[in-house]
C-alpha atoms as a PDB file:
ATOM      1  CA  UNK A   1    -104.774 198.420 104.480  1.00  0.00           C
ATOM      2  CA  UNK A   2    -103.214 197.128 107.677  1.00  0.00           C
ATOM      3  CA  UNK A   3    -100.188 195.624 105.950  1.00  0.00           C
ATOM      4  CA  UNK A   4     -99.337 199.000 104.399  1.00  0.00           C
ATOM      5  CA  UNK A   5     -99.492 200.847 107.720  1.00  0.00           C
ATOM      6  CA  UNK A   6     -95.713 200.801 108.192  1.00  0.00           C
ATOM      7  CA  UNK A   7     -95.070 202.226 104.724  1.00  0.00           C
ATOM      8  CA  UNK A   8     -97.666 204.949 105.205  1.00  0.00           C
ATOM      9  CA  UNK A   9     -96.127 205.828 108.550  1.00  0.00           C
ATOM     10  CA  UNK A  10     -92.705 206.161 106.928  1.00  0.00           C
ATOM     11  CA  UNK A  11     -94.091 208.474 104.257  1.00  0.00           C
ATOM     12  CA  UNK A  12     -95.811 210.594 106.923  1.00  0.00           C
ATOM     13  CA  UNK A  13     -92.608 210.852 108.929  1.00  0.00           C
ATOM     14  CA  UNK A  14     -90.756 211.852 105.780  1.00  0.00           C
ATOM     15  CA  UNK A  15     -93.169 214.689 105.093  1.00  0.00           C
ATOM     16  CA  UNK A  16     -92.942 215.867 108.688  1.00  0.00           C
ATOM     17  CA  UNK A  17     -89.168 215.733 108.557  1.00  0.00           C
ATOM     18  CA  UNK A  18     -89.080 218.010 105.546  1.00  0.00           C
ATOM     19  CA  UNK A  19     -91.392 220.551 107.063  1.00  0.00           C
ATOM     20  CA  UNK A  20     -90.311 220.450 110.689  1.00  0.00           C
ATOM     21  CA  UNK A  21     -87.604 223.090 110.662  1.00  0.00           C
ATOM     22  CA  UNK A  22     -86.455 225.671 108.165  1.00  0.00           C
ATOM     23  CA  UNK A  23     -85.283 224.651 104.740  1.00  0.00           C
ATOM     24  CA  UNK A  24     -84.282 221.008 104.323  1.00  0.00           C
ATOM     25  CA  UNK A  25     -82.559 219.478 101.328  1.00  0.00           C
ATOM     26  CA  UNK A  26     -82.037 215.747 100.900  1.00  0.00           C
ATOM     27  CA  UNK A  27     -79.659 214.200  98.394  1.00  0.00           C
ATOM     28  CA  UNK A  28     -78.779 210.514  98.044  1.00  0.00           C
ATOM     29  CA  UNK A  29     -76.945 208.281  95.619  1.00  0.00           C
ATOM     30  CA  UNK A  30     -75.567 204.758  95.350  1.00  0.00           C
ATOM     31  CA  UNK A  31     -71.902 204.254  94.603  1.00  0.00           C
ATOM     32  CA  UNK A  32     -72.073 200.840  92.976  1.00  0.00           C
ATOM     33  CA  UNK A  33     -68.283 200.625  92.961  1.00  0.00           C
ATOM     34  CA  UNK A  34     -68.150 200.530  96.751  1.00  0.00           C
ATOM     35  CA  UNK A  35     -71.684 199.272  97.360  1.00  0.00           C
ATOM     36  CA  UNK A  36     -72.408 202.211  99.662  1.00  0.00           C
ATOM     37  CA  UNK A  37     -75.585 204.285  99.843  1.00  0.00           C
ATOM     38  CA  UNK A  38     -74.736 207.944 100.485  1.00  0.00           C
ATOM     39  CA  UNK A  39     -77.155 210.416 102.030  1.00  0.00           C
ATOM     40  CA  UNK A  40     -76.720 214.143 102.663  1.00  0.00           C
ATOM     41  CA  UNK A  41     -79.210 216.172 104.705  1.00  0.00           C
ATOM     42  CA  UNK A  42     -78.866 219.942 104.695  1.00  0.00           C
ATOM     43  CA  UNK A  43     -80.821 222.227 106.998  1.00  0.00           C
ATOM     44  CA  UNK A  44     -81.137 225.982 107.456  1.00  0.00           C
ATOM     45  CA  UNK A  45     -80.512 227.650 110.798  1.00  0.00           C
ATOM     46  CA  UNK A  46     -82.239 230.911 109.892  1.00  0.00           C
ATOM     47  CA  UNK A  47     -85.597 230.182 111.549  1.00  0.00           C
ATOM     48  CA  UNK A  48     -84.063 229.237 114.890  1.00  0.00           C
ATOM     49  CA  UNK A  49     -84.150 232.274 117.174  1.00  0.00           C
ATOM     50  CA  UNK A  50     -80.837 232.028 118.987  1.00  0.00           C
ATOM     51  CA  UNK A  51     -77.207 232.855 118.327  1.00  0.00           C
ATOM     52  CA  UNK A  52     -75.712 231.346 115.127  1.00  0.00           C
ATOM     53  CA  UNK A  53     -73.509 228.787 116.912  1.00  0.00           C
ATOM     54  CA  UNK A  54     -76.390 227.460 119.017  1.00  0.00           C
ATOM     55  CA  UNK A  55     -78.662 227.449 115.979  1.00  0.00           C
ATOM     56  CA  UNK A  56     -76.144 225.295 114.083  1.00  0.00           C
ATOM     57  CA  UNK A  57     -76.029 222.848 116.988  1.00  0.00           C
ATOM     58  CA  UNK A  58     -79.814 222.674 117.205  1.00  0.00           C
ATOM     59  CA  UNK A  59     -80.129 222.198 113.442  1.00  0.00           C
ATOM     60  CA  UNK A  60     -77.534 219.411 113.511  1.00  0.00           C
ATOM     61  CA  UNK A  61     -79.526 217.611 116.192  1.00  0.00           C
ATOM     62  CA  UNK A  62     -82.789 218.047 114.293  1.00  0.00           C
ATOM     63  CA  UNK A  63     -81.259 216.733 111.081  1.00  0.00           C
ATOM     64  CA  UNK A  64     -79.834 213.699 112.879  1.00  0.00           C
ATOM     65  CA  UNK A  65     -83.293 212.904 114.230  1.00  0.00           C
ATOM     66  CA  UNK A  66     -84.662 212.619 110.669  1.00  0.00           C
ATOM     67  CA  UNK A  67     -81.796 210.557 109.245  1.00  0.00           C
ATOM     68  CA  UNK A  68     -83.436 207.130 109.500  1.00  0.00           C
ATOM     69  CA  UNK A  69     -86.540 208.316 107.649  1.00  0.00           C
ATOM     70  CA  UNK A  70     -84.548 209.875 104.825  1.00  0.00           C
ATOM     71  CA  UNK A  71     -82.265 206.846 104.577  1.00  0.00           C
ATOM     72  CA  UNK A  72     -85.269 204.526 104.402  1.00  0.00           C
ATOM     73  CA  UNK A  73     -86.714 206.552 101.540  1.00  0.00           C
ATOM     74  CA  UNK A  74     -83.384 206.287  99.713  1.00  0.00           C
ATOM     75  CA  UNK A  75     -83.222 202.524 100.345  1.00  0.00           C
ATOM     76  CA  UNK A  76     -86.671 202.110  98.817  1.00  0.00           C
ATOM     77  CA  UNK A  77     -85.319 203.495  95.516  1.00  0.00           C
ATOM     78  CA  UNK A  78     -82.413 201.053  95.179  1.00  0.00           C
ATOM     79  CA  UNK A  79     -82.709 198.914  92.038  1.00  0.00           C
ATOM     80  CA  UNK A  80     -83.120 195.182  92.660  1.00  0.00           C
ATOM     81  CA  UNK A  81     -83.239 194.061  89.026  1.00  0.00           C
ATOM     82  CA  UNK A  82     -84.394 195.285  85.652  1.00  0.00           C
ATOM     83  CA  UNK A  83     -88.060 195.520  86.662  1.00  0.00           C
ATOM     84  CA  UNK A  84     -87.985 196.026  90.425  1.00  0.00           C
ATOM     85  CA  UNK A  85     -87.078 198.626  93.028  1.00  0.00           C
ATOM     86  CA  UNK A  86     -86.883 197.847  96.736  1.00  0.00           C
ATOM     87  CA  UNK A  87     -90.112 199.796  97.285  1.00  0.00           C
ATOM     88  CA  UNK A  88     -91.980 197.380  94.973  1.00  0.00           C
ATOM     89  CA  UNK A  89     -91.053 194.499  97.262  1.00  0.00           C
ATOM     90  CA  UNK A  90     -91.717 196.469 100.456  1.00  0.00           C
ATOM     91  CA  UNK A  91     -95.272 197.268  99.357  1.00  0.00           C
ATOM     92  CA  UNK A  92     -96.033 193.553  99.296  1.00  0.00           C
ATOM     93  CA  UNK A  93     -94.029 192.562 102.356  1.00  0.00           C
ATOM     94  CA  UNK A  94     -94.512 194.505 105.617  1.00  0.00           C
ATOM     95  CA  UNK A  95     -91.849 192.430 107.397  1.00  0.00           C
ATOM     96  CA  UNK A  96     -89.310 193.474 104.758  1.00  0.00           C
ATOM     97  CA  UNK A  97     -90.223 197.102 105.380  1.00  0.00           C
ATOM     98  CA  UNK A  98     -89.573 196.679 109.088  1.00  0.00           C
ATOM     99  CA  UNK A  99     -86.196 195.127 108.344  1.00  0.00           C
ATOM    100  CA  UNK A 100     -85.372 198.027 106.023  1.00  0.00           C
ATOM    101  CA  UNK A 101     -86.321 200.498 108.746  1.00  0.00           C
ATOM    102  CA  UNK A 102     -83.890 198.757 111.093  1.00  0.00           C
ATOM    103  CA  UNK A 103     -81.185 198.726 108.432  1.00  0.00           C
ATOM    104  CA  UNK A 104     -81.628 202.455 107.739  1.00  0.00           C
ATOM    105  CA  UNK A 105     -80.900 203.229 111.381  1.00  0.00           C
ATOM    106  CA  UNK A 106     -77.452 201.628 111.010  1.00  0.00           C
ATOM    107  CA  UNK A 107     -76.187 204.408 108.714  1.00  0.00           C
ATOM    108  CA  UNK A 108     -73.065 206.096 110.019  1.00  0.00           C
ATOM    109  CA  UNK A 109     -72.555 209.892 110.007  1.00  0.00           C
ATOM    110  CA  UNK A 110     -69.454 211.449 108.516  1.00  0.00           C
ATOM    111  CA  UNK A 111     -67.949 214.842 109.308  1.00  0.00           C
ATOM    112  CA  UNK A 112     -70.680 217.495 109.134  1.00  0.00           C
ATOM    113  CA  UNK A 113     -70.201 220.723 107.206  1.00  0.00           C
ATOM    114  CA  UNK A 114     -71.302 224.186 108.326  1.00  0.00           C
ATOM    115  CA  UNK A 115     -71.423 227.128 105.929  1.00  0.00           C
ATOM    116  CA  UNK A 116     -69.134 230.095 106.624  1.00  0.00           C
ATOM    117  CA  UNK A 117     -72.028 232.265 107.771  1.00  0.00           C
ATOM    118  CA  UNK A 118     -73.375 229.411 109.960  1.00  0.00           C
ATOM    119  CA  UNK A 119     -76.685 229.528 108.087  1.00  0.00           C
ATOM    120  CA  UNK A 120     -76.614 225.953 106.746  1.00  0.00           C
ATOM    121  CA  UNK A 121     -75.597 222.592 108.177  1.00  0.00           C
ATOM    122  CA  UNK A 122     -74.972 219.447 106.080  1.00  0.00           C
ATOM    123  CA  UNK A 123     -74.610 215.965 107.562  1.00  0.00           C
ATOM    124  CA  UNK A 124     -73.410 213.139 105.276  1.00  0.00           C
ATOM    125  CA  UNK A 125     -74.263 209.528 106.089  1.00  0.00           C
ATOM    126  CA  UNK A 126     -73.087 206.234 104.634  1.00  0.00           C
ATOM    127  CA  UNK A 127     -74.841 202.861 104.640  1.00  0.00           C
ATOM    128  CA  UNK A 128     -73.191 199.749 103.118  1.00  0.00           C
ATOM    129  CA  UNK A 129     -75.688 197.805 101.016  1.00  0.00           C
ATOM    130  CA  UNK A 130     -73.781 194.527 101.273  1.00  0.00           C
ATOM    131  CA  UNK A 131     -74.347 192.089 102.846  1.00  0.00           C
ATOM    132  CA  UNK A 132     -77.352 193.624 104.605  1.00  0.00           C
ATOM    133  CA  UNK A 133     -79.646 194.347 101.675  1.00  0.00           C
ATOM    134  CA  UNK A 134     -79.302 191.211  99.517  1.00  0.00           C
ATOM    135  CA  UNK A 135     -79.529 189.051 102.636  1.00  0.00           C
ATOM    136  CA  UNK A 136     -83.040 190.454 103.148  1.00  0.00           C
ATOM    137  CA  UNK A 137     -84.071 189.615  99.586  1.00  0.00           C
ATOM    138  CA  UNK A 138     -82.649 186.163  98.863  1.00  0.00           C
ATOM    139  CA  UNK A 139     -85.206 183.877 100.487  1.00  0.00           C
ATOM    140  CA  UNK A 140     -84.728 180.562  98.667  1.00  0.00           C
ATOM    141  CA  UNK A 141     -82.449 177.672  99.600  1.00  0.00           C
ATOM    142  CA  UNK A 142     -82.248 175.646  96.392  1.00  0.00           C
ATOM    143  CA  UNK A 143     -81.208 177.545  93.237  1.00  0.00           C
ATOM    144  CA  UNK A 144     -82.894 177.034  89.883  1.00  0.00           C
ATOM    145  CA  UNK A 145     -81.189 174.626  87.461  1.00  0.00           C
ATOM    146  CA  UNK A 146     -78.711 175.993  84.961  1.00  0.00           C
ATOM    147  CA  UNK A 147     -78.425 175.032  81.297  1.00  0.00           C
ATOM    148  CA  UNK A 148     -75.491 172.762  80.429  1.00  0.00           C
ATOM    149  CA  UNK A 149     -73.530 172.697  77.177  1.00  0.00           C
ATOM    150  CA  UNK A 150     -72.273 169.191  76.379  1.00  0.00           C
ATOM    151  CA  UNK A 151     -70.254 169.885  73.225  1.00  0.00           C
ATOM    152  CA  UNK A 152     -66.545 170.190  74.026  1.00  0.00           C
ATOM    153  CA  UNK A 153     -65.256 173.749  74.378  1.00  0.00           C
ATOM    154  CA  UNK A 154     -61.571 174.591  74.086  1.00  0.00           C
ATOM    155  CA  UNK A 155     -61.499 177.613  76.372  1.00  0.00           C
ATOM    156  CA  UNK A 156     -60.615 175.791  79.578  1.00  0.00           C
ATOM    157  CA  UNK A 157     -61.596 176.576  83.143  1.00  0.00           C
ATOM    158  CA  UNK A 158     -61.802 180.102  84.574  1.00  0.00           C
ATOM    159  CA  UNK A 159     -61.874 181.650  88.028  1.00  0.00           C
ATOM    160  CA  UNK A 160     -64.315 184.478  87.323  1.00  0.00           C
ATOM    161  CA  UNK A 161     -65.987 186.568  84.648  1.00  0.00           C
ATOM    162  CA  UNK A 162     -65.073 190.146  83.698  1.00  0.00           C
ATOM    163  CA  UNK A 163     -67.536 191.910  81.386  1.00  0.00           C
ATOM    164  CA  UNK A 164     -66.630 195.146  79.647  1.00  0.00           C
ATOM    165  CA  UNK A 165     -69.684 197.397  79.255  1.00  0.00           C
ATOM    166  CA  UNK A 166     -68.234 200.910  79.360  1.00  0.00           C
ATOM    167  CA  UNK A 167     -69.689 202.193  76.101  1.00  0.00           C
ATOM    168  CA  UNK A 168     -73.354 202.802  75.274  1.00  0.00           C
ATOM    169  CA  UNK A 169     -74.755 199.532  73.944  1.00  0.00           C
ATOM    170  CA  UNK A 170     -77.822 198.692  71.825  1.00  0.00           C
ATOM    171  CA  UNK A 171     -80.879 198.015  73.987  1.00  0.00           C
ATOM    172  CA  UNK A 172     -82.682 194.951  72.663  1.00  0.00           C
ATOM    173  CA  UNK A 173     -86.170 195.788  71.438  1.00  0.00           C
ATOM    174  CA  UNK A 174     -85.864 199.554  71.972  1.00  0.00           C
ATOM    175  CA  UNK A 175     -86.100 201.875  68.964  1.00  0.00           C
ATOM    176  CA  UNK A 176     -87.085 205.491  68.405  1.00  0.00           C
ATOM    177  CA  UNK A 177     -88.508 206.376  64.995  1.00  0.00           C
ATOM    178  CA  UNK A 178     -86.954 203.256  63.564  1.00  0.00           C
ATOM    179  CA  UNK A 179     -83.534 203.976  65.020  1.00  0.00           C
ATOM    180  CA  UNK A 180     -81.871 201.626  67.474  1.00  0.00           C
ATOM    181  CA  UNK A 181     -81.594 203.054  70.990  1.00  0.00           C
ATOM    182  CA  UNK A 182     -78.307 202.892  72.865  1.00  0.00           C
ATOM    183  CA  UNK A 183     -77.825 203.217  76.617  1.00  0.00           C
ATOM    184  CA  UNK A 184     -75.378 202.692  79.441  1.00  0.00           C
ATOM    185  CA  UNK A 185     -75.834 199.690  81.689  1.00  0.00           C
ATOM    186  CA  UNK A 186     -77.727 200.414  84.916  1.00  0.00           C
ATOM    187  CA  UNK A 187     -76.221 198.598  87.907  1.00  0.00           C
ATOM    188  CA  UNK A 188     -78.484 196.552  90.166  1.00  0.00           C
ATOM    189  CA  UNK A 189     -78.319 194.122  93.065  1.00  0.00           C
ATOM    190  CA  UNK A 190     -79.066 191.213  90.737  1.00  0.00           C
ATOM    191  CA  UNK A 191     -78.441 190.974  87.002  1.00  0.00           C
ATOM    192  CA  UNK A 192     -79.247 188.385  84.341  1.00  0.00           C
ATOM    193  CA  UNK A 193     -77.184 187.225  81.380  1.00  0.00           C
ATOM    194  CA  UNK A 194     -78.652 186.118  78.048  1.00  0.00           C
ATOM    195  CA  UNK A 195     -77.450 184.850  74.689  1.00  0.00           C
ATOM    196  CA  UNK A 196     -78.426 186.598  71.407  1.00  0.00           C
ATOM    197  CA  UNK A 197     -81.649 184.541  71.219  1.00  0.00           C
ATOM    198  CA  UNK A 198     -82.538 185.638  74.774  1.00  0.00           C
ATOM    199  CA  UNK A 199     -81.967 182.162  76.110  1.00  0.00           C
ATOM    200  CA  UNK A 200     -80.930 182.421  79.724  1.00  0.00           C
ATOM    201  CA  UNK A 201     -77.248 182.000  80.534  1.00  0.00           C
ATOM    202  CA  UNK A 202     -77.685 183.089  84.127  1.00  0.00           C
ATOM    203  CA  UNK A 203     -80.575 184.416  86.205  1.00  0.00           C
ATOM    204  CA  UNK A 204     -80.235 185.486  89.813  1.00  0.00           C
ATOM    205  CA  UNK A 205     -82.448 182.619  91.020  1.00  0.00           C
ATOM    206  CA  UNK A 206     -79.745 180.273  89.722  1.00  0.00           C
ATOM    207  CA  UNK A 207     -77.226 181.721  92.155  1.00  0.00           C
ATOM    208  CA  UNK A 208     -76.194 180.002  95.367  1.00  0.00           C
ATOM    209  CA  UNK A 209     -77.974 181.932  98.136  1.00  0.00           C
ATOM    210  CA  UNK A 210     -74.990 181.849 100.510  1.00  0.00           C
ATOM    211  CA  UNK A 211     -73.004 183.876  97.962  1.00  0.00           C
ATOM    212  CA  UNK A 212     -75.726 186.181  96.654  1.00  0.00           C
ATOM    213  CA  UNK A 213     -76.579 187.187 100.224  1.00  0.00           C
ATOM    214  CA  UNK A 214     -73.012 188.402 100.672  1.00  0.00           C
ATOM    215  CA  UNK A 215     -72.319 190.302  97.444  1.00  0.00           C
ATOM    216  CA  UNK A 216     -75.216 190.063  94.977  1.00  0.00           C
ATOM    217  CA  UNK A 217     -74.822 188.869  91.402  1.00  0.00           C
ATOM    218  CA  UNK A 218     -71.929 191.089  90.319  1.00  0.00           C
ATOM    219  CA  UNK A 219     -69.445 193.731  91.368  1.00  0.00           C
ATOM    220  CA  UNK A 220     -69.120 196.986  89.423  1.00  0.00           C
ATOM    221  CA  UNK A 221     -66.134 199.201  88.755  1.00  0.00           C
ATOM    222  CA  UNK A 222     -64.945 201.883  86.336  1.00  0.00           C
ATOM    223  CA  UNK A 223     -61.312 200.754  86.512  1.00  0.00           C
ATOM    224  CA  UNK A 224     -59.373 198.149  84.563  1.00  0.00           C
ATOM    225  CA  UNK A 225     -57.429 197.339  87.735  1.00  0.00           C
ATOM    226  CA  UNK A 226     -58.853 194.017  88.866  1.00  0.00           C
ATOM    227  CA  UNK A 227     -56.656 193.782  91.977  1.00  0.00           C
ATOM    228  CA  UNK A 228     -59.375 194.860  94.470  1.00  0.00           C
ATOM    229  CA  UNK A 229     -61.615 192.071  93.159  1.00  0.00           C
ATOM    230  CA  UNK A 230     -59.148 189.146  93.136  1.00  0.00           C
ATOM    231  CA  UNK A 231     -60.965 187.453  96.021  1.00  0.00           C
ATOM    232  CA  UNK A 232     -64.119 187.457  93.924  1.00  0.00           C
ATOM    233  CA  UNK A 233     -62.950 186.805  90.345  1.00  0.00           C
ATOM    234  CA  UNK A 234     -59.636 185.082  90.979  1.00  0.00           C
ATOM    235  CA  UNK A 235     -56.467 185.401  88.919  1.00  0.00           C
ATOM    236  CA  UNK A 236     -57.702 183.723  85.733  1.00  0.00           C
ATOM    237  CA  UNK A 237     -61.050 185.312  84.836  1.00  0.00           C
ATOM    238  CA  UNK A 238     -62.703 185.040  81.450  1.00  0.00           C
ATOM    239  CA  UNK A 239     -62.696 188.563  79.977  1.00  0.00           C
ATOM    240  CA  UNK A 240     -65.495 189.353  77.531  1.00  0.00           C
ATOM    241  CA  UNK A 241     -67.335 192.298  76.004  1.00  0.00           C
ATOM    242  CA  UNK A 242     -71.110 192.657  76.235  1.00  0.00           C
ATOM    243  CA  UNK A 243     -72.874 193.006  72.910  1.00  0.00           C
ATOM    244  CA  UNK A 244     -76.307 194.347  73.966  1.00  0.00           C
ATOM    245  CA  UNK A 245     -78.396 195.399  76.944  1.00  0.00           C
ATOM    246  CA  UNK A 246     -81.781 194.003  77.897  1.00  0.00           C
ATOM    247  CA  UNK A 247     -84.556 194.615  80.406  1.00  0.00           C
ATOM    248  CA  UNK A 248     -87.288 197.097  81.307  1.00  0.00           C
ATOM    249  CA  UNK A 249     -84.416 199.102  82.707  1.00  0.00           C
ATOM    250  CA  UNK A 250     -81.212 198.010  80.975  1.00  0.00           C
ATOM    251  CA  UNK A 251     -79.579 196.106  83.837  1.00  0.00           C
ATOM    252  CA  UNK A 252     -79.092 192.805  81.996  1.00  0.00           C
ATOM    253  CA  UNK A 253     -76.427 191.864  79.475  1.00  0.00           C
ATOM    254  CA  UNK A 254     -76.469 189.892  76.231  1.00  0.00           C
ATOM    255  CA  UNK A 255     -73.340 187.870  75.479  1.00  0.00           C
ATOM    256  CA  UNK A 256     -72.366 185.921  72.369  1.00  0.00           C
ATOM    257  CA  UNK A 257     -73.146 182.250  71.889  1.00  0.00           C
ATOM    258  CA  UNK A 258     -69.433 181.450  72.090  1.00  0.00           C
ATOM    259  CA  UNK A 259     -69.199 183.064  75.533  1.00  0.00           C
ATOM    260  CA  UNK A 260     -72.370 181.249  76.602  1.00  0.00           C
ATOM    261  CA  UNK A 261     -70.884 177.890  75.639  1.00  0.00           C
ATOM    262  CA  UNK A 262     -67.605 178.574  77.442  1.00  0.00           C
ATOM    263  CA  UNK A 263     -69.468 179.462  80.640  1.00  0.00           C
ATOM    264  CA  UNK A 264     -71.925 176.580  80.582  1.00  0.00           C
ATOM    265  CA  UNK A 265     -69.630 173.802  79.345  1.00  0.00           C
ATOM    266  CA  UNK A 266     -68.181 172.605  82.663  1.00  0.00           C
ATOM    267  CA  UNK A 267     -69.162 172.743  86.303  1.00  0.00           C
ATOM    268  CA  UNK A 268     -66.235 174.964  87.320  1.00  0.00           C
ATOM    269  CA  UNK A 269     -67.302 177.658  84.863  1.00  0.00           C
ATOM    270  CA  UNK A 270     -70.957 177.343  85.823  1.00  0.00           C
ATOM    271  CA  UNK A 271     -69.873 177.818  89.442  1.00  0.00           C
ATOM    272  CA  UNK A 272     -68.528 181.254  88.454  1.00  0.00           C
ATOM    273  CA  UNK A 273     -72.092 182.300  87.731  1.00  0.00           C
ATOM    274  CA  UNK A 274     -73.689 180.479  90.649  1.00  0.00           C
ATOM    275  CA  UNK A 275     -71.320 182.154  93.111  1.00  0.00           C
ATOM    276  CA  UNK A 276     -71.646 185.627  91.587  1.00  0.00           C
ATOM    277  CA  UNK A 277     -67.973 185.822  90.622  1.00  0.00           C
ATOM    278  CA  UNK A 278     -68.710 188.496  88.042  1.00  0.00           C
ATOM    279  CA  UNK A 279     -67.121 191.922  87.612  1.00  0.00           C
ATOM    280  CA  UNK A 280     -68.716 194.468  85.265  1.00  0.00           C
ATOM    281  CA  UNK A 281     -66.625 197.398  84.089  1.00  0.00           C
ATOM    282  CA  UNK A 282     -68.712 200.544  83.546  1.00  0.00           C
ATOM    283  CA  UNK A 283     -68.130 204.146  82.624  1.00  0.00           C
ATOM    284  CA  UNK A 284     -67.725 206.382  85.724  1.00  0.00           C
ATOM    285  CA  UNK A 285     -71.002 208.200  85.052  1.00  0.00           C
ATOM    286  CA  UNK A 286     -72.933 204.924  85.318  1.00  0.00           C
ATOM    287  CA  UNK A 287     -71.233 203.838  88.519  1.00  0.00           C
ATOM    288  CA  UNK A 288     -72.836 206.491  90.735  1.00  0.00           C
ATOM    289  CA  UNK A 289     -76.615 206.551  90.565  1.00  0.00           C
ATOM    290  CA  UNK A 290     -78.578 209.464  91.998  1.00  0.00           C
ATOM    291  CA  UNK A 291     -81.637 208.373  93.939  1.00  0.00           C
ATOM    292  CA  UNK A 292     -83.225 211.488  95.477  1.00  0.00           C
ATOM    293  CA  UNK A 293     -82.757 215.195  95.283  1.00  0.00           C
ATOM    294  CA  UNK A 294     -85.584 216.820  97.242  1.00  0.00           C
ATOM    295  CA  UNK A 295     -85.795 220.415  98.393  1.00  0.00           C
ATOM    296  CA  UNK A 296     -88.418 222.121 100.488  1.00  0.00           C
ATOM    297  CA  UNK A 297     -88.500 225.797 101.423  1.00  0.00           C
END
């Protein structure tokens, strides 16, 4: 019970924040393209007995005082991998929760918005997830071994890996009334790659911690312009198309055996995976993931 005290306190503060003044609305989402967690808190000025301008100022101050609690609750909903949210790890690790509380307080406010009739105030906040969040989660020093392919492959050496996954893809093992289910890839801090037989090509524990702590397993974008990611994937990436999705939540990708062999044949290509030099191209609707939309009258 003692180790959960911090989490229970955060939940209590969250409830109090919602009910402390007027109507409060909280909305948050992750933009996986930029790696930024966005939070908007909107409050009503109607229950503050003063002139509208002063009420807006008071409401702005009250909303700012609840920011860290709302941001923490949004952080707890960020997807780590196919089976895990941040909150799942925080429940088992009180020290992680304390670090998340400190991280939430680092969110920066953007220009607030006040409705024309001065009855509502909205404050947006932004919190970069990288490198802060993965650095709290990667706690090993020696990565797991990676499979090697010894048969000669003619593809050469690459500087990165670009995976196209913009269209809905079959989800391995998921059917409805005998019909194959399709879905869009769900971004996450750490992804895994498999071959068609579900042999592991890459799992996040195989990554070098000094790289995963900086940028996670992969970058995500909805654009075919690779220029912003040259530092990560280089100028000669291997460009492939995912064939299926996998996972409790479909965050992981299945690639062909030919792609597997190209990636695992030599050390330079294996280093692409170990250093997280992966770019996944998604549809725009999959790039921004809503986390919370809570209203209280």
